[in-house]
Structures are given as structure tokens and as C-alpha cells.
C-alpha atoms as a PDB file:
ATOM      1  CA  MET A   1       3.663   2.814 -31.412  1.00  0.00           C
ATOM      2  CA  GLU A   2       7.154   0.561 -31.833  1.00  0.00           C
ATOM      3  CA  ILE A   3       5.843  -3.185 -30.750  1.00  0.00           C
ATOM      4  CA  LYS A   4       8.564  -5.442 -29.394  1.00  0.00           C
ATOM      5  CA  ILE A   5       7.699  -9.621 -29.721  1.00  0.00           C
ATOM      6  CA  THR A   6      10.030 -12.047 -27.700  1.00  0.00           C
ATOM      7  CA  ALA A   7       9.674 -15.844 -27.447  1.00  0.00           C
ATOM      8  CA  LYS A   8      11.163 -18.170 -25.108  1.00  0.00           C
ATOM      9  CA  ASN A   9      10.795 -21.871 -25.768  1.00  0.00           C
ATOM     10  CA  ILE A  10       8.167 -21.350 -28.481  1.00  0.00           C
ATOM     11  CA  LYS A  11       8.508 -20.579 -32.459  1.00  0.00           C
ATOM     12  CA  LEU A  12       7.215 -17.230 -33.154  1.00  0.00           C
ATOM     13  CA  THR A  13       5.151 -17.805 -36.124  1.00  0.00           C
ATOM     14  CA  PRO A  14       4.284 -14.875 -38.315  1.00  0.00           C
ATOM     15  CA  ALA A  15       0.202 -15.560 -37.261  1.00  0.00           C
ATOM     16  CA  ILE A  16       1.167 -15.142 -33.430  1.00  0.00           C
ATOM     17  CA  LYS A  17       3.216 -12.061 -34.279  1.00  0.00           C
ATOM     18  CA  GLU A  18       0.350 -10.566 -36.193  1.00  0.00           C
ATOM     19  CA  PHE A  19      -2.247 -11.470 -33.444  1.00  0.00           C
ATOM     20  CA  ALA A  20      -0.063 -10.022 -30.656  1.00  0.00           C
ATOM     21  CA  GLN A  21       0.758  -6.721 -33.253  1.00  0.00           C
ATOM     22  CA  THR A  22      -2.826  -5.787 -33.899  1.00  0.00           C
ATOM     23  CA  ARG A  23      -3.931  -6.844 -30.290  1.00  0.00           C
ATOM     24  CA  VAL A  24      -1.373  -4.394 -28.832  1.00  0.00           C
ATOM     25  CA  ASP A  25      -1.961  -1.705 -30.974  1.00  0.00           C
ATOM     26  CA  LYS A  26      -5.300  -1.344 -29.833  1.00  0.00           C
ATOM     27  CA  ILE A  27      -3.643   0.187 -26.422  1.00  0.00           C
ATOM     28  CA  GLU A  28      -2.868   3.361 -28.359  1.00  0.00           C
ATOM     29  CA  LYS A  29      -6.620   4.480 -28.379  1.00  0.00           C
ATOM     30  CA  TYR A  30      -6.575   4.736 -24.376  1.00  0.00           C
ATOM     31  CA  PHE A  31      -3.466   6.828 -24.290  1.00  0.00           C
ATOM     32  CA  ASP A  32      -1.823   9.445 -26.860  1.00  0.00           C
ATOM     33  CA  ASN A  33       1.815   8.838 -25.618  1.00  0.00           C
ATOM     34  CA  VAL A  34       2.317   5.275 -25.553  1.00  0.00           C
ATOM     35  CA  VAL A  35       5.903   5.265 -26.689  1.00  0.00           C
ATOM     36  CA  TRP A  36       6.711   1.682 -26.987  1.00  0.00           C
ATOM     37  CA  ALA A  37       5.162  -1.624 -25.803  1.00  0.00           C
ATOM     38  CA  GLN A  38       6.854  -5.349 -25.395  1.00  0.00           C
ATOM     39  CA  VAL A  39       5.372  -8.430 -25.926  1.00  0.00           C
ATOM     40  CA  LEU A  40       7.150 -11.323 -24.049  1.00  0.00           C
ATOM     41  CA  LEU A  41       5.638 -15.270 -25.043  1.00  0.00           C
ATOM     42  CA  ALA A  42       6.893 -18.251 -23.033  1.00  0.00           C
ATOM     43  CA  VAL A  43       5.774 -21.677 -22.845  1.00  0.00           C
ATOM     44  CA  ASP A  44       5.982 -23.050 -19.154  1.00  0.00           C
ATOM     45  CA  LYS A  45       6.274 -26.945 -18.921  1.00  0.00           C
ATOM     46  CA  LYS A  46       4.814 -27.561 -22.254  1.00  0.00           C
ATOM     47  CA  ILE A  47       1.294 -27.184 -20.893  1.00  0.00           C
ATOM     48  CA  ASN A  48       0.821 -23.327 -19.731  1.00  0.00           C
ATOM     49  CA  GLN A  49       1.385 -20.588 -22.359  1.00  0.00           C
ATOM     50  CA  ARG A  50       2.428 -17.424 -20.816  1.00  0.00           C
ATOM     51  CA  ALA A  51       1.916 -13.722 -22.730  1.00  0.00           C
ATOM     52  CA  GLU A  52       3.478 -10.578 -20.821  1.00  0.00           C
ATOM     53  CA  VAL A  53       2.927  -7.320 -21.820  1.00  0.00           C
ATOM     54  CA  ILE A  54       4.878  -4.452 -20.889  1.00  0.00           C
ATOM     55  CA  VAL A  55       3.507  -0.588 -22.492  1.00  0.00           C
ATOM     56  CA  HIS A  56       6.120   2.169 -21.823  1.00  0.00           C
ATOM     57  CA  ILE A  57       4.117   5.421 -21.784  1.00  0.00           C
ATOM     58  CA  GLY A  58       5.867   9.180 -22.394  1.00  0.00           C
ATOM     59  CA  ASN A  59       5.556  10.283 -18.932  1.00  0.00           C
ATOM     60  CA  LYS A  60       8.235   7.616 -17.736  1.00  0.00           C
ATOM     61  CA  GLN A  61       5.615   5.266 -16.795  1.00  0.00           C
ATOM     62  CA  THR A  62       5.162   1.666 -17.321  1.00  0.00           C
ATOM     63  CA  VAL A  63       2.268  -0.854 -16.943  1.00  0.00           C
ATOM     64  CA  SER A  64       2.480  -4.444 -17.158  1.00  0.00           C
ATOM     65  CA  ALA A  65       0.287  -7.643 -16.982  1.00  0.00           C
ATOM     66  CA  THR A  66       0.581 -11.308 -17.274  1.00  0.00           C
ATOM     67  CA  ALA A  67      -1.728 -13.993 -18.015  1.00  0.00           C
ATOM     68  CA  VAL A  68      -1.034 -17.738 -18.150  1.00  0.00           C
ATOM     69  CA  GLU A  69      -3.664 -19.851 -20.474  1.00  0.00           C
ATOM     70  CA  ALA A  70      -3.906 -23.003 -22.098  1.00  0.00           C
ATOM     71  CA  ASP A  71      -4.052 -21.412 -25.361  1.00  0.00           C
ATOM     72  CA  LEU A  72      -1.265 -18.959 -26.363  1.00  0.00           C
ATOM     73  CA  TYR A  73      -4.081 -16.534 -28.302  1.00  0.00           C
ATOM     74  CA  ARG A  74      -6.128 -16.497 -25.061  1.00  0.00           C
ATOM     75  CA  ALA A  75      -3.090 -15.556 -22.726  1.00  0.00           C
ATOM     76  CA  ILE A  76      -2.296 -12.427 -25.210  1.00  0.00           C
ATOM     77  CA  ASP A  77      -5.734 -11.682 -25.102  1.00  0.00           C
ATOM     78  CA  ALA A  78      -5.883 -11.842 -21.587  1.00  0.00           C
ATOM     79  CA  ALA A  79      -2.831 -10.132 -20.978  1.00  0.00           C
ATOM     80  CA  VAL A  80      -3.580  -7.076 -23.219  1.00  0.00           C
ATOM     81  CA  THR A  81      -7.019  -6.765 -21.619  1.00  0.00           C
ATOM     82  CA  LYS A  82      -5.334  -6.286 -18.089  1.00  0.00           C
ATOM     83  CA  ALA A  83      -2.925  -3.902 -19.565  1.00  0.00           C
ATOM     84  CA  GLU A  84      -5.851  -1.939 -20.973  1.00  0.00           C
ATOM     85  CA  ALA A  85      -7.725  -1.559 -17.673  1.00  0.00           C
ATOM     86  CA  GLN A  86      -4.311  -0.297 -16.062  1.00  0.00           C
ATOM     87  CA  ILE A  87      -3.950   2.119 -19.023  1.00  0.00           C
ATOM     88  CA  LYS A  88      -7.288   3.515 -18.182  1.00  0.00           C
ATOM     89  CA  LYS A  89      -6.940   3.869 -14.843  1.00  0.00           C
ATOM     90  CA  LEU A  90      -4.035   5.568 -15.310  1.00  0.00           C
ATOM     91  CA  LYS A  91      -5.378   7.948 -17.566  1.00  0.00           C
ATOM     92  CA  GLU A  92      -8.513   8.536 -14.990  1.00  0.00           C
ATOM     93  CA  LYS A  93      -5.682   9.559 -12.224  1.00  0.00           C
ATOM     94  CA  THR A  94      -4.021  12.013 -14.528  1.00  0.00           C
ATOM     95  CA  LYS A  95      -7.549  13.710 -15.334  1.00  0.00           C
ATOM     96  CA  SER A  96      -8.138  13.870 -11.772  1.00  0.00           C
ATOM     97  CA  LYS A  97      -4.946  15.401 -10.829  1.00  0.00           C
ATOM     98  CA  ARG A  98      -5.398  17.893 -13.772  1.00  0.00           C
ATOM     99  CA  THR A  99      -8.618  19.058 -12.532  1.00  0.00           C
ATOM    100  CA  ALA A 100      -7.694  19.228  -8.827  1.00  0.00           C
ATOM    101  CA  LYS A 101      -4.284  21.295 -10.024  1.00  0.00           C
ATOM    102  CA  LYS A 102      -6.360  23.756 -11.668  1.00  0.00           C
ATOM    103  CA  ALA A 103      -8.845  24.180  -9.322  1.00  0.00           C
ATOM    104  CA  GLU A 104      -6.451  24.982  -6.337  1.00  0.00           C
ATOM    105  CA  PRO A 105      -4.759  28.347  -6.211  1.00  0.00           C
ATOM    106  CA  ILE A 106      -0.624  28.456  -6.629  1.00  0.00           C
ATOM    107  CA  ALA A 107       0.947  30.265  -3.419  1.00  0.00           C
ATOM    108  CA  PHE A 108       4.224  31.310  -3.744  1.00  0.00           C
ATOM    109  CA  ILE A 109       6.966  29.605  -1.815  1.00  0.00           C
ATOM    110  CA  ASP A 110      10.520  31.131  -0.913  1.00  0.00           C
ATOM    111  CA  PRO A 111      12.679  28.357  -2.035  1.00  0.00           C
ATOM    112  CA  VAL A 112      15.257  27.160   0.882  1.00  0.00           C
ATOM    113  CA  ILE A 113      18.229  25.324   0.362  1.00  0.00           C
ATOM    114  CA  ALA A 114      19.582  22.849   2.921  1.00  0.00           C
ATOM    115  CA  VAL A 115      22.642  21.179   2.831  1.00  0.00           C
ATOM    116  CA  GLN A 116      22.505  17.582   4.008  1.00  0.00           C
ATOM    117  CA  ASN A 117      25.637  15.700   4.871  1.00  0.00           C
ATOM    118  CA  ASP A 118      24.369  12.741   5.486  1.00  0.00           C
ATOM    119  CA  ILE A 119      22.885   9.943   3.393  1.00  0.00           C
ATOM    120  CA  LYS A 120      19.477   8.386   3.874  1.00  0.00           C
ATOM    121  CA  PHE A 121      18.251   5.123   2.385  1.00  0.00           C
ATOM    122  CA  SER A 122      14.810   4.634   2.069  1.00  0.00           C
ATOM    123  CA  VAL A 123      15.029   0.971   1.049  1.00  0.00           C
ATOM    124  CA  ILE A 124      17.640  -1.731   1.147  1.00  0.00           C
ATOM    125  CA  LYS A 125      16.390  -4.781  -0.509  1.00  0.00           C
ATOM    126  CA  GLN A 126      18.747  -8.079  -0.564  1.00  0.00           C
ATOM    127  CA  VAL A 127      18.358 -10.055  -3.719  1.00  0.00           C
ATOM    128  CA  GLU A 128      19.620 -13.555  -4.600  1.00  0.00           C
ATOM    129  CA  VAL A 129      21.839 -13.622  -7.348  1.00  0.00           C
ATOM    130  CA  ASN A 130      21.648 -16.251  -9.876  1.00  0.00           C
ATOM    131  CA  PRO A 131      24.086 -17.181 -12.469  1.00  0.00           C
ATOM    132  CA  MET A 132      22.687 -16.333 -15.861  1.00  0.00           C
ATOM    133  CA  ASN A 133      24.296 -15.238 -19.254  1.00  0.00           C
ATOM    134  CA  PRO A 134      22.956 -11.696 -20.051  1.00  0.00           C
ATOM    135  CA  GLU A 135      20.574 -12.630 -22.598  1.00  0.00           C
ATOM    136  CA  ASP A 136      18.849 -14.161 -19.584  1.00  0.00           C
ATOM    137  CA  ALA A 137      19.483 -11.280 -17.471  1.00  0.00           C
ATOM    138  CA  ALA A 138      18.081  -8.940 -19.872  1.00  0.00           C
ATOM    139  CA  TYR A 139      14.888 -11.169 -20.467  1.00  0.00           C
ATOM    140  CA  GLU A 140      14.758 -11.337 -16.668  1.00  0.00           C
ATOM    141  CA  MET A 141      14.856  -7.263 -16.416  1.00  0.00           C
ATOM    142  CA  GLU A 142      12.208  -6.872 -19.156  1.00  0.00           C
ATOM    143  CA  ARG A 143       9.748  -9.276 -17.498  1.00  0.00           C
ATOM    144  CA  LEU A 144       9.891  -7.543 -13.985  1.00  0.00           C
ATOM    145  CA  GLY A 145      10.060  -3.907 -15.920  1.00  0.00           C
ATOM    146  CA  TYR A 146      12.978  -2.907 -14.392  1.00  0.00           C
ATOM    147  CA  THR A 147      15.841  -0.596 -15.961  1.00  0.00           C
ATOM    148  CA  PHE A 148      18.612  -2.258 -14.976  1.00  0.00           C
ATOM    149  CA  TRP A 149      19.498  -6.032 -13.322  1.00  0.00           C
ATOM    150  CA  MET A 150      22.433  -7.523 -11.257  1.00  0.00           C
ATOM    151  CA  PHE A 151      23.332 -11.157 -11.779  1.00  0.00           C
ATOM    152  CA  LEU A 152      26.122 -13.557 -11.464  1.00  0.00           C
ATOM    153  CA  ASP A 153      27.734 -14.196 -15.105  1.00  0.00           C
ATOM    154  CA  GLU A 154      27.937 -17.899 -15.502  1.00  0.00           C
ATOM    155  CA  ASP A 155      31.026 -17.671 -17.502  1.00  0.00           C
ATOM    156  CA  SER A 156      32.964 -15.480 -15.407  1.00  0.00           C
ATOM    157  CA  LYS A 157      31.440 -15.941 -11.723  1.00  0.00           C
ATOM    158  CA  GLN A 158      31.379 -12.331 -11.043  1.00  0.00           C
ATOM    159  CA  ILE A 159      28.393  -9.724 -10.594  1.00  0.00           C
ATOM    160  CA  ASN A 160      27.679  -7.747 -13.665  1.00  0.00           C
ATOM    161  CA  LEU A 161      25.247  -5.356 -13.991  1.00  0.00           C
ATOM    162  CA  ILE A 162      22.884  -4.878 -17.303  1.00  0.00           C
ATOM    163  CA  PHE A 163      20.696  -1.871 -18.067  1.00  0.00           C
ATOM    164  CA  LYS A 164      18.324  -0.219 -20.567  1.00  0.00           C
ATOM    165  CA  ARG A 165      19.568   2.785 -22.337  1.00  0.00           C
ATOM    166  CA  LEU A 166      17.393   5.515 -23.279  1.00  0.00           C
ATOM    167  CA  ASP A 167      17.895   4.583 -27.084  1.00  0.00           C
ATOM    168  CA  GLY A 168      16.372   0.842 -26.440  1.00  0.00           C
ATOM    169  CA  THR A 169      19.571  -1.098 -26.208  1.00  0.00           C
ATOM    170  CA  TYR A 170      21.204  -2.562 -23.588  1.00  0.00           C
ATOM    171  CA  GLY A 171      24.339  -1.261 -21.613  1.00  0.00           C
ATOM    172  CA  LEU A 172      25.902  -4.051 -19.519  1.00  0.00           C
ATOM    173  CA  ILE A 173      28.543  -3.511 -16.836  1.00  0.00           C
ATOM    174  CA  LYS A 174      31.320  -5.807 -15.845  1.00  0.00           C
ATOM    175  CA  PRO A 175      33.985  -5.414 -13.059  1.00  0.00           C
ATOM    176  CA  ILE A 176      37.846  -5.456 -13.962  1.00  0.00           C
ATOM    177  CA  LYS A 177      40.876  -4.997 -11.429  1.00  0.00           C
ATOM    178  CA  LYS A 178      42.161  -1.670 -11.158  1.00  0.00           C
ATOM    179  CA  LYS A 179      45.924  -1.851 -12.138  1.00  0.00           C
END
């Protein structure tokens, strides 16, 4: 499992990095197909230490847990404990779905293809767009567990879109005028 550790407003010492890695490595014992994990560490107002653990599981599921403590080590430990609880719950859910699927007889259904002419939106969400640089947008996107994020570029004052690629890198879409 690959573990990415990011620190904001705090110096990432080898001791903190090693503690976070060893603590997050233990998550793998609960789920076999953990692809990678990300640990975001930050200091809020020089008082609160915030740790966020985002675990990406092979079946395109993400588990995210955040903890705020006075001590960074306790925050990391609490966030990993929360993530472990979510992963245990997810594992039990998938186990129960597998046993339910095995018990049901499979009925053959004749597929019918229907042409749909109108487009229906299930969700329409209005989002406040804040001016930021692409690095901050990537951090915000990862913090929220999204695969893309729309933001207002500080320099160009234009709407940009940042997205997570399958190889773990980021893509940035910037608008240009059509010639």
C-alpha cells in the first residue's frame, strides 16, 4: 500500500512521518485491496492539530476520517481509529451482500434498450467558488475526498478545474478563448 503524507503549516519530521506510516499500515489487515492512503496533517490557529486519513480501496471506494486534538500524535491515532472503524463496517457490508447474493436464485431477464431523449439531473448543487492557487485547490479536493474540484484562479481570475488522474497525478483544465 502506498502512503502519501502531506503537511500544512507544520514541519514534517521523520518521527511524525514514521508514526503516521506505521499507524496507517495497520489498516491493511482489515481490507486486502487497499490501494493507497493519504494522510493530511495541519495546524489550525497554532492550537489544534488536525489529522485526516483518506483510504482508497480497490473497488473504487474511499474512506475518510478527520480528528482534531491538542497533540498531533493523538490526532493521527484518532483519525486512523475512525478510518479503521469505517473500513470494518464496509467489510461487514460487503460480506453480507456476498452471502445474500449467493442465497438468491438468478433469474434471467430479457434486456430492453430504451432510447432516452431528455437529460435528467438527479442533483444540482450550487457551490461557492473561492479564489485560490492550484496547489490549494488540490489540497481542498483531497481533503473532501473528491476526484475533481472547481476553483477561481487567483492570478487569471478565471474558473479552473483540477482533477485526479488514475496514475495518481493531477490534471488542470484552464479555459481559453476559441479563435
